Amino acid sequence: MEPFIVEMEMREASDIVFNNHRGEEFLYVLHGRLEFCYGEETVILEEGDSLYFDSIVPHGYRGLEGPAKTLVVIYRPQ
């Protein structure tokens, strides 16, 4: 398991960088609002919201209305 804090800057939707990697990911919004894109889906997350997802699917995010801070935990099976 790899836990870390990520600050996401506000940016244009066209500037979202997508990642994908083996494993699972948990994301918890500590501060701000963000747009989360997962495959073809998009959701808006606010402070206190969380997600758990298969990180092999391309995913990316951006801060909305200013920077957002999240706790991200990645689990990569051996």
PDB file of N, CA and C in Angstrom:
ATOM      1  N   MET A   1       0.834  -1.177   0.000  1.00  0.00           N
ATOM      2  CA  MET A   1       0.000   0.000   0.000  1.00  0.00           C
ATOM      3  C   MET A   1       0.878   1.240   0.000  1.00  0.00           C
ATOM      4  N   GLU A   2       0.464   2.227  -0.775  1.00  0.00           N
ATOM      5  CA  GLU A   2       1.201   3.487  -0.852  1.00  0.00           C
ATOM      6  C   GLU A   2       0.251   4.648  -0.567  1.00  0.00           C
ATOM      7  N   PRO A   3       0.232   5.206   0.647  1.00  0.00           N
ATOM      8  CA  PRO A   3      -0.602   6.373   0.921  1.00  0.00           C
ATOM      9  C   PRO A   3       0.187   7.664   0.689  1.00  0.00           C
ATOM     10  N   PHE A   4      -0.467   8.684   0.145  1.00  0.00           N
ATOM     11  CA  PHE A   4       0.173   9.984  -0.018  1.00  0.00           C
ATOM     12  C   PHE A   4      -0.884  11.061  -0.223  1.00  0.00           C
ATOM     13  N   ILE A   5      -0.482  12.312  -0.035  1.00  0.00           N
ATOM     14  CA  ILE A   5      -1.347  13.476  -0.229  1.00  0.00           C
ATOM     15  C   ILE A   5      -1.037  14.064  -1.604  1.00  0.00           C
ATOM     16  N   VAL A   6      -2.097  14.408  -2.337  1.00  0.00           N
ATOM     17  CA  VAL A   6      -1.932  14.997  -3.666  1.00  0.00           C
ATOM     18  C   VAL A   6      -2.673  16.324  -3.708  1.00  0.00           C
ATOM     19  N   GLU A   7      -2.010  17.377  -4.201  1.00  0.00           N
ATOM     20  CA  GLU A   7      -2.666  18.655  -4.449  1.00  0.00           C
ATOM     21  C   GLU A   7      -2.916  18.769  -5.934  1.00  0.00           C
ATOM     22  N   MET A   8      -4.172  18.989  -6.305  1.00  0.00           N
ATOM     23  CA  MET A   8      -4.550  19.101  -7.710  1.00  0.00           C
ATOM     24  C   MET A   8      -4.865  20.542  -8.028  1.00  0.00           C
ATOM     25  N   GLU A   9      -4.140  21.089  -8.964  1.00  0.00           N
ATOM     26  CA  GLU A   9      -4.347  22.474  -9.368  1.00  0.00           C
ATOM     27  C   GLU A   9      -5.584  22.590 -10.257  1.00  0.00           C
ATOM     28  N   MET A  10      -6.155  23.779 -10.260  1.00  0.00           N
ATOM     29  CA  MET A  10      -7.255  24.067 -11.163  1.00  0.00           C
ATOM     30  C   MET A  10      -6.691  24.110 -12.579  1.00  0.00           C
ATOM     31  N   ARG A  11      -7.375  23.479 -13.530  1.00  0.00           N
ATOM     32  CA  ARG A  11      -6.919  23.476 -14.922  1.00  0.00           C
ATOM     33  C   ARG A  11      -8.108  23.231 -15.836  1.00  0.00           C
ATOM     34  N   GLU A  12      -7.881  23.391 -17.109  1.00  0.00           N
ATOM     35  CA  GLU A  12      -8.923  23.131 -18.105  1.00  0.00           C
ATOM     36  C   GLU A  12      -9.160  21.624 -18.212  1.00  0.00           C
ATOM     37  N   ALA A  13     -10.385  21.239 -18.556  1.00  0.00           N
ATOM     38  CA  ALA A  13     -10.714  19.816 -18.709  1.00  0.00           C
ATOM     39  C   ALA A  13      -9.824  19.164 -19.758  1.00  0.00           C
ATOM     40  N   SER A  14      -9.475  19.913 -20.783  1.00  0.00           N
ATOM     41  CA  SER A  14      -8.631  19.354 -21.852  1.00  0.00           C
ATOM     42  C   SER A  14      -7.200  19.093 -21.387  1.00  0.00           C
ATOM     43  N   ASP A  15      -6.826  19.623 -20.220  1.00  0.00           N
ATOM     44  CA  ASP A  15      -5.469  19.448 -19.692  1.00  0.00           C
ATOM     45  C   ASP A  15      -5.353  18.311 -18.675  1.00  0.00           C
ATOM     46  N   ILE A  16      -6.430  17.565 -18.446  1.00  0.00           N
ATOM     47  CA  ILE A  16      -6.373  16.447 -17.501  1.00  0.00           C
ATOM     48  C   ILE A  16      -5.427  15.381 -18.041  1.00  0.00           C
ATOM     49  N   VAL A  17      -4.524  14.929 -17.194  1.00  0.00           N
ATOM     50  CA  VAL A  17      -3.584  13.864 -17.560  1.00  0.00           C
ATOM     51  C   VAL A  17      -4.156  12.547 -17.038  1.00  0.00           C
ATOM     52  N   PHE A  18      -4.297  11.572 -17.923  1.00  0.00           N
ATOM     53  CA  PHE A  18      -4.844  10.268 -17.539  1.00  0.00           C
ATOM     54  C   PHE A  18      -3.716   9.291 -17.230  1.00  0.00           C
ATOM     55  N   ASN A  19      -3.940   8.478 -16.193  1.00  0.00           N
ATOM     56  CA  ASN A  19      -2.997   7.431 -15.783  1.00  0.00           C
ATOM     57  C   ASN A  19      -3.736   6.109 -15.749  1.00  0.00           C
ATOM     58  N   ASN A  20      -3.010   5.042 -15.851  1.00  0.00           N
ATOM     59  CA  ASN A  20      -3.552   3.730 -15.525  1.00  0.00           C
ATOM     60  C   ASN A  20      -2.388   2.850 -15.094  1.00  0.00           C
ATOM     61  N   HIS A  21      -2.661   1.989 -14.137  1.00  0.00           N
ATOM     62  CA  HIS A  21      -1.635   1.109 -13.585  1.00  0.00           C
ATOM     63  C   HIS A  21      -2.333  -0.057 -12.903  1.00  0.00           C
ATOM     64  N   ARG A  22      -1.630  -1.132 -12.736  1.00  0.00           N
ATOM     65  CA  ARG A  22      -2.167  -2.311 -12.068  1.00  0.00           C
ATOM     66  C   ARG A  22      -2.493  -1.981 -10.615  1.00  0.00           C
ATOM     67  N   GLY A  23      -3.600  -2.482 -10.119  1.00  0.00           N
ATOM     68  CA  GLY A  23      -3.925  -2.306  -8.710  1.00  0.00           C
ATOM     69  C   GLY A  23      -5.272  -1.652  -8.482  1.00  0.00           C
ATOM     70  N   GLU A  24      -5.456  -1.195  -7.250  1.00  0.00           N
ATOM     71  CA  GLU A  24      -6.681  -0.541  -6.826  1.00  0.00           C
ATOM     72  C   GLU A  24      -6.298   0.769  -6.156  1.00  0.00           C
ATOM     73  N   GLU A  25      -7.229   1.719  -6.159  1.00  0.00           N
ATOM     74  CA  GLU A  25      -6.916   3.030  -5.606  1.00  0.00           C
ATOM     75  C   GLU A  25      -8.095   3.536  -4.780  1.00  0.00           C
ATOM     76  N   PHE A  26      -7.771   4.180  -3.665  1.00  0.00           N
ATOM     77  CA  PHE A  26      -8.758   4.833  -2.813  1.00  0.00           C
ATOM     78  C   PHE A  26      -8.406   6.308  -2.789  1.00  0.00           C
ATOM     79  N   LEU A  27      -9.398   7.164  -2.968  1.00  0.00           N
ATOM     80  CA  LEU A  27      -9.178   8.606  -2.988  1.00  0.00           C
ATOM     81  C   LEU A  27     -10.167   9.249  -2.019  1.00  0.00           C
ATOM     82  N   TYR A  28      -9.680  10.142  -1.149  1.00  0.00           N
ATOM     83  CA  TYR A  28     -10.519  10.851  -0.187  1.00  0.00           C
ATOM     84  C   TYR A  28     -10.217  12.338  -0.304  1.00  0.00           C
ATOM     85  N   VAL A  29     -11.251  13.156  -0.517  1.00  0.00           N
ATOM     86  CA  VAL A  29     -11.059  14.600  -0.698  1.00  0.00           C
ATOM     87  C   VAL A  29     -10.943  15.272   0.669  1.00  0.00           C
ATOM     88  N   LEU A  30      -9.776  15.849   0.934  1.00  0.00           N
ATOM     89  CA  LEU A  30      -9.527  16.549   2.199  1.00  0.00           C
ATOM     90  C   LEU A  30      -9.981  18.001   2.140  1.00  0.00           C
ATOM     91  N   HIS A  31      -9.829  18.631   0.960  1.00  0.00           N
ATOM     92  CA  HIS A  31     -10.138  20.059   0.823  1.00  0.00           C
ATOM     93  C   HIS A  31     -10.458  20.372  -0.632  1.00  0.00           C
ATOM     94  N   GLY A  32     -11.451  21.213  -0.857  1.00  0.00           N
ATOM     95  CA  GLY A  32     -11.762  21.685  -2.203  1.00  0.00           C
ATOM     96  C   GLY A  32     -12.721  20.776  -2.962  1.00  0.00           C
ATOM     97  N   ARG A  33     -12.830  21.064  -4.255  1.00  0.00           N
ATOM     98  CA  ARG A  33     -13.687  20.295  -5.168  1.00  0.00           C
ATOM     99  C   ARG A  33     -12.836  19.843  -6.337  1.00  0.00           C
ATOM    100  N   LEU A  34     -13.157  18.666  -6.870  1.00  0.00           N
ATOM    101  CA  LEU A  34     -12.415  18.202  -8.036  1.00  0.00           C
ATOM    102  C   LEU A  34     -13.315  17.433  -8.981  1.00  0.00           C
ATOM    103  N   GLU A  35     -12.866  17.399 -10.223  1.00  0.00           N
ATOM    104  CA  GLU A  35     -13.532  16.606 -11.247  1.00  0.00           C
ATOM    105  C   GLU A  35     -12.696  15.353 -11.436  1.00  0.00           C
ATOM    106  N   PHE A  36     -13.336  14.196 -11.323  1.00  0.00           N
ATOM    107  CA  PHE A  36     -12.656  12.914 -11.467  1.00  0.00           C
ATOM    108  C   PHE A  36     -13.190  12.232 -12.714  1.00  0.00           C
ATOM    109  N   CYS A  37     -12.292  11.836 -13.603  1.00  0.00           N
ATOM    110  CA  CYS A  37     -12.659  11.141 -14.837  1.00  0.00           C
ATOM    111  C   CYS A  37     -12.148   9.712 -14.746  1.00  0.00           C
ATOM    112  N   TYR A  38     -13.037   8.766 -15.056  1.00  0.00           N
ATOM    113  CA  TYR A  38     -12.719   7.341 -14.946  1.00  0.00           C
ATOM    114  C   TYR A  38     -13.289   6.659 -16.178  1.00  0.00           C
ATOM    115  N   GLY A  39     -12.409   6.267 -17.092  1.00  0.00           N
ATOM    116  CA  GLY A  39     -12.905   5.728 -18.355  1.00  0.00           C
ATOM    117  C   GLY A  39     -13.720   6.799 -19.053  1.00  0.00           C
ATOM    118  N   GLU A  40     -14.981   6.524 -19.330  1.00  0.00           N
ATOM    119  CA  GLU A  40     -15.875   7.487 -19.991  1.00  0.00           C
ATOM    120  C   GLU A  40     -16.737   8.263 -18.996  1.00  0.00           C
ATOM    121  N   GLU A  41     -16.597   7.984 -17.697  1.00  0.00           N
ATOM    122  CA  GLU A  41     -17.425   8.629 -16.677  1.00  0.00           C
ATOM    123  C   GLU A  41     -16.714   9.822 -16.054  1.00  0.00           C
ATOM    124  N   THR A  42     -17.505  10.813 -15.630  1.00  0.00           N
ATOM    125  CA  THR A  42     -16.978  11.985 -14.933  1.00  0.00           C
ATOM    126  C   THR A  42     -17.865  12.262 -13.724  1.00  0.00           C
ATOM    127  N   VAL A  43     -17.242  12.491 -12.559  1.00  0.00           N
ATOM    128  CA  VAL A  43     -17.989  12.842 -11.350  1.00  0.00           C
ATOM    129  C   VAL A  43     -17.312  14.030 -10.672  1.00  0.00           C
ATOM    130  N   ILE A  44     -18.114  14.812  -9.965  1.00  0.00           N
ATOM    131  CA  ILE A  44     -17.605  15.928  -9.169  1.00  0.00           C
ATOM    132  C   ILE A  44     -17.550  15.458  -7.719  1.00  0.00           C
ATOM    133  N   LEU A  45     -16.390  15.642  -7.096  1.00  0.00           N
ATOM    134  CA  LEU A  45     -16.200  15.249  -5.699  1.00  0.00           C
ATOM    135  C   LEU A  45     -15.944  16.487  -4.855  1.00  0.00           C
ATOM    136  N   GLU A  46     -16.490  16.489  -3.646  1.00  0.00           N
ATOM    137  CA  GLU A  46     -16.309  17.599  -2.719  1.00  0.00           C
ATOM    138  C   GLU A  46     -15.674  17.094  -1.432  1.00  0.00           C
ATOM    139  N   GLU A  47     -15.276  18.033  -0.592  1.00  0.00           N
ATOM    140  CA  GLU A  47     -14.648  17.701   0.686  1.00  0.00           C
ATOM    141  C   GLU A  47     -15.446  16.625   1.419  1.00  0.00           C
ATOM    142  N   GLY A  48     -14.767  15.548   1.837  1.00  0.00           N
ATOM    143  CA  GLY A  48     -15.410  14.449   2.545  1.00  0.00           C
ATOM    144  C   GLY A  48     -15.840  13.300   1.648  1.00  0.00           C
ATOM    145  N   ASP A  49     -15.872  13.517   0.335  1.00  0.00           N
ATOM    146  CA  ASP A  49     -16.238  12.442  -0.597  1.00  0.00           C
ATOM    147  C   ASP A  49     -15.063  11.499  -0.802  1.00  0.00           C
ATOM    148  N   SER A  50     -15.376  10.261  -1.190  1.00  0.00           N
ATOM    149  CA  SER A  50     -14.316   9.287  -1.455  1.00  0.00           C
ATOM    150  C   SER A  50     -14.714   8.375  -2.609  1.00  0.00           C
ATOM    151  N   LEU A  51     -13.713   7.720  -3.176  1.00  0.00           N
ATOM    152  CA  LEU A  51     -13.897   6.764  -4.272  1.00  0.00           C
ATOM    153  C   LEU A  51     -12.957   5.593  -4.071  1.00  0.00           C
ATOM    154  N   TYR A  52     -13.378   4.440  -4.551  1.00  0.00           N
ATOM    155  CA  TYR A  52     -12.520   3.257  -4.578  1.00  0.00           C
ATOM    156  C   TYR A  52     -12.679   2.677  -5.970  1.00  0.00           C
ATOM    157  N   PHE A  53     -11.563   2.442  -6.681  1.00  0.00           N
ATOM    158  CA  PHE A  53     -11.689   2.016  -8.070  1.00  0.00           C
ATOM    159  C   PHE A  53     -10.511   1.162  -8.517  1.00  0.00           C
ATOM    160  N   ASP A  54     -10.739   0.443  -9.606  1.00  0.00           N
ATOM    161  CA  ASP A  54      -9.715  -0.370 -10.261  1.00  0.00           C
ATOM    162  C   ASP A  54      -8.853   0.579 -11.088  1.00  0.00           C
ATOM    163  N   SER A  55      -7.584   0.718 -10.726  1.00  0.00           N
ATOM    164  CA  SER A  55      -6.733   1.724 -11.366  1.00  0.00           C
ATOM    165  C   SER A  55      -6.153   1.295 -12.709  1.00  0.00           C
ATOM    166  N   ILE A  56      -6.531   0.114 -13.213  1.00  0.00           N
ATOM    167  CA  ILE A  56      -6.110  -0.264 -14.562  1.00  0.00           C
ATOM    168  C   ILE A  56      -6.909   0.535 -15.602  1.00  0.00           C
ATOM    169  N   VAL A  57      -8.096   1.024 -15.208  1.00  0.00           N
ATOM    170  CA  VAL A  57      -8.914   1.865 -16.087  1.00  0.00           C
ATOM    171  C   VAL A  57      -8.299   3.267 -16.097  1.00  0.00           C
ATOM    172  N   PRO A  58      -8.115   3.881 -17.278  1.00  0.00           N
ATOM    173  CA  PRO A  58      -7.546   5.232 -17.324  1.00  0.00           C
ATOM    174  C   PRO A  58      -8.364   6.206 -16.465  1.00  0.00           C
ATOM    175  N   HIS A  59      -7.655   6.993 -15.652  1.00  0.00           N
ATOM    176  CA  HIS A  59      -8.306   7.929 -14.748  1.00  0.00           C
ATOM    177  C   HIS A  59      -7.464   9.195 -14.605  1.00  0.00           C
ATOM    178  N   GLY A  60      -8.139  10.294 -14.298  1.00  0.00           N
ATOM    179  CA  GLY A  60      -7.450  11.570 -14.111  1.00  0.00           C
ATOM    180  C   GLY A  60      -8.359  12.529 -13.368  1.00  0.00           C
ATOM    181  N   TYR A  61      -7.801  13.629 -12.884  1.00  0.00           N
ATOM    182  CA  TYR A  61      -8.585  14.584 -12.125  1.00  0.00           C
ATOM    183  C   TYR A  61      -7.996  15.972 -12.227  1.00  0.00           C
ATOM    184  N   ARG A  62      -8.824  16.941 -11.810  1.00  0.00           N
ATOM    185  CA  ARG A  62      -8.386  18.339 -11.788  1.00  0.00           C
ATOM    186  C   ARG A  62      -9.139  19.064 -10.683  1.00  0.00           C
ATOM    187  N   GLY A  63      -8.505  20.072 -10.116  1.00  0.00           N
ATOM    188  CA  GLY A  63      -9.160  20.905  -9.125  1.00  0.00           C
ATOM    189  C   GLY A  63     -10.186  21.796  -9.801  1.00  0.00           C
ATOM    190  N   LEU A  64     -11.282  22.071  -9.105  1.00  0.00           N
ATOM    191  CA  LEU A  64     -12.308  23.000  -9.578  1.00  0.00           C
ATOM    192  C   LEU A  64     -12.366  24.165  -8.605  1.00  0.00           C
ATOM    193  N   GLU A  65     -12.517  25.366  -9.097  1.00  0.00           N
ATOM    194  CA  GLU A  65     -12.631  26.553  -8.235  1.00  0.00           C
ATOM    195  C   GLU A  65     -11.427  26.699  -7.320  1.00  0.00           C
ATOM    196  N   GLY A  66     -10.246  26.358  -7.801  1.00  0.00           N
ATOM    197  CA  GLY A  66      -9.023  26.439  -7.003  1.00  0.00           C
ATOM    198  C   GLY A  66      -8.444  25.061  -6.775  1.00  0.00           C
ATOM    199  N   PRO A  67      -7.316  24.984  -6.056  1.00  0.00           N
ATOM    200  CA  PRO A  67      -6.690  23.683  -5.837  1.00  0.00           C
ATOM    201  C   PRO A  67      -7.518  22.798  -4.902  1.00  0.00           C
ATOM    202  N   ALA A  68      -7.361  21.494  -5.062  1.00  0.00           N
ATOM    203  CA  ALA A  68      -8.011  20.510  -4.188  1.00  0.00           C
ATOM    204  C   ALA A  68      -6.921  19.625  -3.606  1.00  0.00           C
ATOM    205  N   LYS A  69      -7.127  19.168  -2.373  1.00  0.00           N
ATOM    206  CA  LYS A  69      -6.152  18.295  -1.716  1.00  0.00           C
ATOM    207  C   LYS A  69      -6.828  16.969  -1.398  1.00  0.00           C
ATOM    208  N   THR A  70      -6.159  15.859  -1.757  1.00  0.00           N
ATOM    209  CA  THR A  70      -6.731  14.536  -1.521  1.00  0.00           C
ATOM    210  C   THR A  70      -5.720  13.610  -0.869  1.00  0.00           C
ATOM    211  N   LEU A  71      -6.253  12.642  -0.147  1.00  0.00           N
ATOM    212  CA  LEU A  71      -5.463  11.514   0.333  1.00  0.00           C
ATOM    213  C   LEU A  71      -5.677  10.413  -0.690  1.00  0.00           C
ATOM    214  N   VAL A  72      -4.604   9.871  -1.226  1.00  0.00           N
ATOM    215  CA  VAL A  72      -4.688   8.789  -2.199  1.00  0.00           C
ATOM    216  C   VAL A  72      -3.939   7.590  -1.631  1.00  0.00           C
ATOM    217  N   VAL A  73      -4.564   6.421  -1.677  1.00  0.00           N
ATOM    218  CA  VAL A  73      -3.917   5.185  -1.252  1.00  0.00           C
ATOM    219  C   VAL A  73      -3.963   4.222  -2.433  1.00  0.00           C
ATOM    220  N   ILE A  74      -2.797   3.763  -2.869  1.00  0.00           N
ATOM    221  CA  ILE A  74      -2.705   2.824  -3.981  1.00  0.00           C
ATOM    222  C   ILE A  74      -2.277   1.469  -3.438  1.00  0.00           C
ATOM    223  N   TYR A  75      -2.996   0.436  -3.857  1.00  0.00           N
ATOM    224  CA  TYR A  75      -2.642  -0.935  -3.502  1.00  0.00           C
ATOM    225  C   TYR A  75      -2.283  -1.669  -4.785  1.00  0.00           C
ATOM    226  N   ARG A  76      -1.073  -2.201  -4.826  1.00  0.00           N
ATOM    227  CA  ARG A  76      -0.623  -2.978  -5.982  1.00  0.00           C
ATOM    228  C   ARG A  76      -0.315  -4.390  -5.519  1.00  0.00           C
ATOM    229  N   PRO A  77      -1.129  -5.357  -5.945  1.00  0.00           N
ATOM    230  CA  PRO A  77      -0.861  -6.738  -5.532  1.00  0.00           C
ATOM    231  C   PRO A  77       0.474  -7.228  -6.078  1.00  0.00           C
ATOM    232  N   GLN A  78       1.103  -8.118  -5.345  1.00  0.00           N
ATOM    233  CA  GLN A  78       2.407  -8.662  -5.761  1.00  0.00           C
ATOM    234  C   GLN A  78       2.251  -9.608  -6.912  1.00  0.00           C
TER     235      GLN A  78
END
